[in-house]
Amino acid sequence: MGKKSSKLKLETLEDLKTKTKFSDAEILEFYRGFRLECPSGELSIEEFRKLYRGLFPNGNAEKFAEHVFRAFDENRDGTLDFREIMCALSVSSRGTMENKARMAFKIYDLDRDGYITAREMTEILKAMSKMTSKTMDLSPEEKTREIFLRLDKNQDGILSMSEFIQGVQTDSFIMEILTCASKTD
């Protein structure tokens, strides 16, 4: 296996133009920076954890970074390539509320079965609370109960993607709970 090409392939550029909200110039600029930071063309889980440690220096971002990495690793190869990073960055920076909710759902759905259980929700909320030194008004378990009371419309004990997306889009309380633990001081 040789070293990966340092030039962005035309088909990758065309694919990213259709899948992201970035211009050609923005994609190429991001690519230059990506290649400087990741000469191999891939970002490992440890490099991703290091990035999150830098973003949340007063907390422990390890576990949450692992969950986010898993959600971004679309092809499940254990690394993030430029395409996976750009697609995630596009959603988080320029996506609609629905796109952002879909991404959040992927983070919360730990076993990738298409549903979020209370255990999965609690685990993510615990990981989020460890990232910041901010004191929370509710424990992760209490937040999970609140979220499920509001979002689990059919009361089956799991959240489908549609229940989650609808809840996030229509309930500002839910959006606040799902995002407040990730804010830094």
C-alpha atoms as a PDB file:
ATOM      1  CA  MET A   1       0.000   0.000   0.000  1.00  0.00           C
ATOM      2  CA  GLY A   2       1.510   3.251  -1.105  1.00  0.00           C
ATOM      3  CA  LYS A   3       1.061   6.740   0.204  1.00  0.00           C
ATOM      4  CA  LYS A   4      -2.304   8.252  -0.655  1.00  0.00           C
ATOM      5  CA  SER A   5      -2.380  10.994  -3.254  1.00  0.00           C
ATOM      6  CA  SER A   6      -2.029  14.499  -1.827  1.00  0.00           C
ATOM      7  CA  LYS A   7      -4.328  15.949  -4.501  1.00  0.00           C
ATOM      8  CA  LEU A   8      -8.091  15.846  -4.128  1.00  0.00           C
ATOM      9  CA  LYS A   9      -9.611  13.631  -6.816  1.00  0.00           C
ATOM     10  CA  LEU A  10     -12.067  15.307  -9.162  1.00  0.00           C
ATOM     11  CA  GLU A  11     -14.755  12.701  -8.413  1.00  0.00           C
ATOM     12  CA  THR A  12     -14.364  13.374  -4.662  1.00  0.00           C
ATOM     13  CA  LEU A  13     -14.714  17.113  -5.264  1.00  0.00           C
ATOM     14  CA  GLU A  14     -17.830  16.561  -7.398  1.00  0.00           C
ATOM     15  CA  ASP A  15     -19.307  14.209  -4.784  1.00  0.00           C
ATOM     16  CA  LEU A  16     -18.681  16.718  -1.988  1.00  0.00           C
ATOM     17  CA  LYS A  17     -20.253  19.521  -4.031  1.00  0.00           C
ATOM     18  CA  THR A  18     -23.480  17.519  -4.199  1.00  0.00           C
ATOM     19  CA  LYS A  19     -23.407  16.186  -0.621  1.00  0.00           C
ATOM     20  CA  THR A  20     -22.282  19.327   1.235  1.00  0.00           C
ATOM     21  CA  LYS A  21     -23.092  23.018   1.269  1.00  0.00           C
ATOM     22  CA  PHE A  22     -19.506  24.048   0.540  1.00  0.00           C
ATOM     23  CA  SER A  23     -18.166  25.721  -2.588  1.00  0.00           C
ATOM     24  CA  ASP A  24     -15.295  24.312  -4.654  1.00  0.00           C
ATOM     25  CA  ALA A  25     -12.931  26.854  -3.110  1.00  0.00           C
ATOM     26  CA  GLU A  26     -14.023  25.994   0.437  1.00  0.00           C
ATOM     27  CA  ILE A  27     -13.662  22.267  -0.162  1.00  0.00           C
ATOM     28  CA  LEU A  28     -10.176  22.714  -1.607  1.00  0.00           C
ATOM     29  CA  GLU A  29      -9.145  24.989   1.276  1.00  0.00           C
ATOM     30  CA  PHE A  30     -10.418  22.455   3.825  1.00  0.00           C
ATOM     31  CA  TYR A  31      -8.571  19.732   1.935  1.00  0.00           C
ATOM     32  CA  ARG A  32      -5.257  21.604   2.145  1.00  0.00           C
ATOM     33  CA  GLY A  33      -5.683  21.975   5.898  1.00  0.00           C
ATOM     34  CA  PHE A  34      -6.782  18.361   6.278  1.00  0.00           C
ATOM     35  CA  ARG A  35      -3.706  17.101   4.429  1.00  0.00           C
ATOM     36  CA  LEU A  36      -1.453  19.215   6.658  1.00  0.00           C
ATOM     37  CA  GLU A  37      -3.069  17.813   9.806  1.00  0.00           C
ATOM     38  CA  CYS A  38      -3.581  14.279   8.449  1.00  0.00           C
ATOM     39  CA  PRO A  39      -0.865  13.494   5.902  1.00  0.00           C
ATOM     40  CA  SER A  40      -2.072   9.884   5.748  1.00  0.00           C
ATOM     41  CA  GLY A  41      -5.456  11.079   4.484  1.00  0.00           C
ATOM     42  CA  GLU A  42      -7.250   9.546   7.464  1.00  0.00           C
ATOM     43  CA  LEU A  43      -8.055  10.627  10.994  1.00  0.00           C
ATOM     44  CA  SER A  44      -7.745   7.937  13.655  1.00  0.00           C
ATOM     45  CA  ILE A  45      -9.882   7.643  16.763  1.00  0.00           C
ATOM     46  CA  GLU A  46      -6.929   8.756  18.901  1.00  0.00           C
ATOM     47  CA  GLU A  47      -6.380  11.852  16.747  1.00  0.00           C
ATOM     48  CA  PHE A  48     -10.102  12.588  17.001  1.00  0.00           C
ATOM     49  CA  ARG A  49      -9.989  12.224  20.807  1.00  0.00           C
ATOM     50  CA  LYS A  50      -7.026  14.612  20.888  1.00  0.00           C
ATOM     51  CA  LEU A  51      -9.038  17.127  18.875  1.00  0.00           C
ATOM     52  CA  TYR A  52     -11.915  16.897  21.383  1.00  0.00           C
ATOM     53  CA  ARG A  53      -9.515  17.189  24.335  1.00  0.00           C
ATOM     54  CA  GLY A  54      -8.385  20.493  22.811  1.00  0.00           C
ATOM     55  CA  LEU A  55     -11.976  21.682  22.414  1.00  0.00           C
ATOM     56  CA  PHE A  56     -12.913  20.730  25.996  1.00  0.00           C
ATOM     57  CA  PRO A  57      -9.708  21.157  28.038  1.00  0.00           C
ATOM     58  CA  ASN A  58     -11.535  21.408  31.385  1.00  0.00           C
ATOM     59  CA  GLY A  59     -13.392  18.131  31.050  1.00  0.00           C
ATOM     60  CA  ASN A  60     -13.082  14.564  29.870  1.00  0.00           C
ATOM     61  CA  ALA A  61     -14.188  14.415  26.253  1.00  0.00           C
ATOM     62  CA  GLU A  62     -12.842  10.921  25.523  1.00  0.00           C
ATOM     63  CA  LYS A  63     -16.100   8.971  25.599  1.00  0.00           C
ATOM     64  CA  PHE A  64     -18.158  11.569  23.780  1.00  0.00           C
ATOM     65  CA  ALA A  65     -15.477  11.855  21.090  1.00  0.00           C
ATOM     66  CA  GLU A  66     -15.703   8.083  20.578  1.00  0.00           C
ATOM     67  CA  HIS A  67     -19.470   8.303  20.100  1.00  0.00           C
ATOM     68  CA  VAL A  68     -19.183  11.168  17.624  1.00  0.00           C
ATOM     69  CA  PHE A  69     -16.392   9.371  15.758  1.00  0.00           C
ATOM     70  CA  ARG A  70     -18.556   6.245  15.451  1.00  0.00           C
ATOM     71  CA  ALA A  71     -21.429   8.284  14.029  1.00  0.00           C
ATOM     72  CA  PHE A  72     -19.179  10.043  11.489  1.00  0.00           C
ATOM     73  CA  ASP A  73     -17.429   6.828  10.379  1.00  0.00           C
ATOM     74  CA  GLU A  74     -19.977   6.004   7.703  1.00  0.00           C
ATOM     75  CA  ASN A  75     -18.064   3.112   6.148  1.00  0.00           C
ATOM     76  CA  ARG A  76     -17.144   1.693   9.579  1.00  0.00           C
ATOM     77  CA  ASP A  77     -13.459   1.299   8.755  1.00  0.00           C
ATOM     78  CA  GLY A  78     -12.204   2.787  12.031  1.00  0.00           C
ATOM     79  CA  THR A  79     -10.923   6.009  10.469  1.00  0.00           C
ATOM     80  CA  LEU A  80     -12.422   9.226   9.173  1.00  0.00           C
ATOM     81  CA  ASP A  81     -11.488  10.243   5.663  1.00  0.00           C
ATOM     82  CA  PHE A  82     -11.866  13.697   4.178  1.00  0.00           C
ATOM     83  CA  ARG A  83     -15.281  12.944   2.696  1.00  0.00           C
ATOM     84  CA  GLU A  84     -16.717  11.738   6.019  1.00  0.00           C
ATOM     85  CA  ILE A  85     -15.353  14.790   7.830  1.00  0.00           C
ATOM     86  CA  MET A  86     -16.669  17.224   5.228  1.00  0.00           C
ATOM     87  CA  CYS A  87     -20.143  15.687   5.232  1.00  0.00           C
ATOM     88  CA  ALA A  88     -20.309  15.931   9.036  1.00  0.00           C
ATOM     89  CA  LEU A  89     -18.905  19.465   9.033  1.00  0.00           C
ATOM     90  CA  SER A  90     -21.436  20.562   6.436  1.00  0.00           C
ATOM     91  CA  VAL A  91     -24.343  19.275   8.496  1.00  0.00           C
ATOM     92  CA  SER A  92     -23.073  20.728  11.764  1.00  0.00           C
ATOM     93  CA  SER A  93     -22.200  24.141  10.333  1.00  0.00           C
ATOM     94  CA  ARG A  94     -24.743  24.657   7.541  1.00  0.00           C
ATOM     95  CA  GLY A  95     -27.332  21.943   7.834  1.00  0.00           C
ATOM     96  CA  THR A  96     -31.009  22.366   8.492  1.00  0.00           C
ATOM     97  CA  MET A  97     -32.454  21.597  11.900  1.00  0.00           C
ATOM     98  CA  GLU A  98     -33.640  18.254  10.501  1.00  0.00           C
ATOM     99  CA  ASN A  99     -30.152  17.410   9.196  1.00  0.00           C
ATOM    100  CA  LYS A 100     -28.651  18.269  12.575  1.00  0.00           C
ATOM    101  CA  ALA A 101     -31.284  16.167  14.336  1.00  0.00           C
ATOM    102  CA  ARG A 102     -30.466  13.212  12.052  1.00  0.00           C
ATOM    103  CA  MET A 103     -26.781  13.573  12.906  1.00  0.00           C
ATOM    104  CA  ALA A 104     -27.573  13.762  16.620  1.00  0.00           C
ATOM    105  CA  PHE A 105     -29.731  10.648  16.273  1.00  0.00           C
ATOM    106  CA  LYS A 106     -26.749   8.777  14.788  1.00  0.00           C
ATOM    107  CA  ILE A 107     -24.655   9.802  17.794  1.00  0.00           C
ATOM    108  CA  TYR A 108     -27.299   8.702  20.305  1.00  0.00           C
ATOM    109  CA  ASP A 109     -28.089   5.411  18.518  1.00  0.00           C
ATOM    110  CA  LEU A 110     -25.070   3.598  19.933  1.00  0.00           C
ATOM    111  CA  ASP A 111     -25.801   0.158  18.496  1.00  0.00           C
ATOM    112  CA  ARG A 112     -26.989   1.540  15.136  1.00  0.00           C
ATOM    113  CA  ASP A 113     -30.264  -0.384  15.283  1.00  0.00           C
ATOM    114  CA  GLY A 114     -32.379   2.611  14.242  1.00  0.00           C
ATOM    115  CA  TYR A 115     -33.721   3.359  17.738  1.00  0.00           C
ATOM    116  CA  ILE A 116     -32.535   5.187  20.828  1.00  0.00           C
ATOM    117  CA  THR A 117     -33.083   3.453  24.143  1.00  0.00           C
ATOM    118  CA  ALA A 118     -33.056   5.129  27.541  1.00  0.00           C
ATOM    119  CA  ARG A 119     -29.727   3.395  28.246  1.00  0.00           C
ATOM    120  CA  GLU A 120     -28.193   4.852  25.079  1.00  0.00           C
ATOM    121  CA  MET A 121     -29.561   8.327  25.807  1.00  0.00           C
ATOM    122  CA  THR A 122     -28.232   8.206  29.368  1.00  0.00           C
ATOM    123  CA  GLU A 123     -24.797   7.066  28.223  1.00  0.00           C
ATOM    124  CA  ILE A 124     -24.499   9.946  25.760  1.00  0.00           C
ATOM    125  CA  LEU A 125     -25.735  12.502  28.290  1.00  0.00           C
ATOM    126  CA  LYS A 126     -23.203  11.198  30.835  1.00  0.00           C
ATOM    127  CA  ALA A 127     -20.416  11.503  28.263  1.00  0.00           C
ATOM    128  CA  MET A 128     -21.567  15.035  27.424  1.00  0.00           C
ATOM    129  CA  SER A 129     -21.619  16.068  31.073  1.00  0.00           C
ATOM    130  CA  LYS A 130     -18.047  14.816  31.567  1.00  0.00           C
ATOM    131  CA  MET A 131     -16.830  17.089  28.779  1.00  0.00           C
ATOM    132  CA  THR A 132     -17.582  20.263  30.638  1.00  0.00           C
ATOM    133  CA  SER A 133     -17.036  21.485  34.156  1.00  0.00           C
ATOM    134  CA  LYS A 134     -20.483  23.094  34.064  1.00  0.00           C
ATOM    135  CA  THR A 135     -22.861  21.878  36.774  1.00  0.00           C
ATOM    136  CA  MET A 136     -26.068  20.412  35.374  1.00  0.00           C
ATOM    137  CA  ASP A 137     -29.497  21.059  36.852  1.00  0.00           C
ATOM    138  CA  LEU A 138     -30.626  17.477  36.135  1.00  0.00           C
ATOM    139  CA  SER A 139     -28.710  14.214  36.199  1.00  0.00           C
ATOM    140  CA  PRO A 140     -28.316  12.338  32.892  1.00  0.00           C
ATOM    141  CA  GLU A 141     -30.899   9.823  34.112  1.00  0.00           C
ATOM    142  CA  GLU A 142     -33.380  12.606  34.959  1.00  0.00           C
ATOM    143  CA  LYS A 143     -32.770  14.294  31.606  1.00  0.00           C
ATOM    144  CA  THR A 144     -33.369  10.988  29.860  1.00  0.00           C
ATOM    145  CA  ARG A 145     -36.685  10.533  31.659  1.00  0.00           C
ATOM    146  CA  GLU A 146     -37.740  14.080  30.697  1.00  0.00           C
ATOM    147  CA  ILE A 147     -36.797  13.508  27.056  1.00  0.00           C
ATOM    148  CA  PHE A 148     -38.597  10.181  26.817  1.00  0.00           C
ATOM    149  CA  LEU A 149     -41.725  11.606  28.454  1.00  0.00           C
ATOM    150  CA  ARG A 150     -41.842  14.314  25.804  1.00  0.00           C
ATOM    151  CA  LEU A 151     -40.650  12.423  22.713  1.00  0.00           C
ATOM    152  CA  ASP A 152     -41.752   8.801  23.036  1.00  0.00           C
ATOM    153  CA  LYS A 153     -45.192   9.427  21.567  1.00  0.00           C
ATOM    154  CA  ASN A 154     -46.213   5.753  21.313  1.00  0.00           C
ATOM    155  CA  GLN A 155     -44.701   4.996  24.755  1.00  0.00           C
ATOM    156  CA  ASP A 156     -42.827   1.914  23.555  1.00  0.00           C
ATOM    157  CA  GLY A 157     -39.682   2.753  25.525  1.00  0.00           C
ATOM    158  CA  ILE A 158     -37.584   3.585  22.459  1.00  0.00           C
ATOM    159  CA  LEU A 159     -37.238   6.634  20.251  1.00  0.00           C
ATOM    160  CA  SER A 160     -37.515   6.169  16.516  1.00  0.00           C
ATOM    161  CA  MET A 161     -35.737   8.577  14.237  1.00  0.00           C
ATOM    162  CA  SER A 162     -39.044  10.241  13.354  1.00  0.00           C
ATOM    163  CA  GLU A 163     -39.996  10.718  17.038  1.00  0.00           C
ATOM    164  CA  PHE A 164     -36.542  12.124  17.757  1.00  0.00           C
ATOM    165  CA  ILE A 165     -36.483  14.488  14.771  1.00  0.00           C
ATOM    166  CA  GLN A 166     -40.008  15.723  15.370  1.00  0.00           C
ATOM    167  CA  GLY A 167     -39.259  16.284  19.049  1.00  0.00           C
ATOM    168  CA  VAL A 168     -36.031  18.152  18.409  1.00  0.00           C
ATOM    169  CA  GLN A 169     -37.649  20.350  15.773  1.00  0.00           C
ATOM    170  CA  THR A 170     -40.800  21.195  17.704  1.00  0.00           C
ATOM    171  CA  ASP A 171     -39.718  21.269  21.342  1.00  0.00           C
ATOM    172  CA  SER A 172     -37.223  23.956  22.388  1.00  0.00           C
ATOM    173  CA  PHE A 173     -36.920  22.324  25.824  1.00  0.00           C
ATOM    174  CA  ILE A 174     -35.628  19.140  24.182  1.00  0.00           C
ATOM    175  CA  MET A 175     -33.165  21.068  22.049  1.00  0.00           C
ATOM    176  CA  GLU A 176     -31.879  22.814  25.157  1.00  0.00           C
ATOM    177  CA  ILE A 177     -31.446  19.533  27.050  1.00  0.00           C
ATOM    178  CA  LEU A 178     -29.705  17.846  24.136  1.00  0.00           C
ATOM    179  CA  THR A 179     -27.280  20.705  23.601  1.00  0.00           C
ATOM    180  CA  CYS A 180     -26.715  22.318  27.010  1.00  0.00           C
ATOM    181  CA  ALA A 181     -24.296  19.656  28.237  1.00  0.00           C
ATOM    182  CA  SER A 182     -22.040  20.213  25.268  1.00  0.00           C
ATOM    183  CA  LYS A 183     -21.618  23.955  25.766  1.00  0.00           C
ATOM    184  CA  THR A 184     -18.436  25.146  27.375  1.00  0.00           C
ATOM    185  CA  ASP A 185     -18.316  27.695  30.149  1.00  0.00           C
END
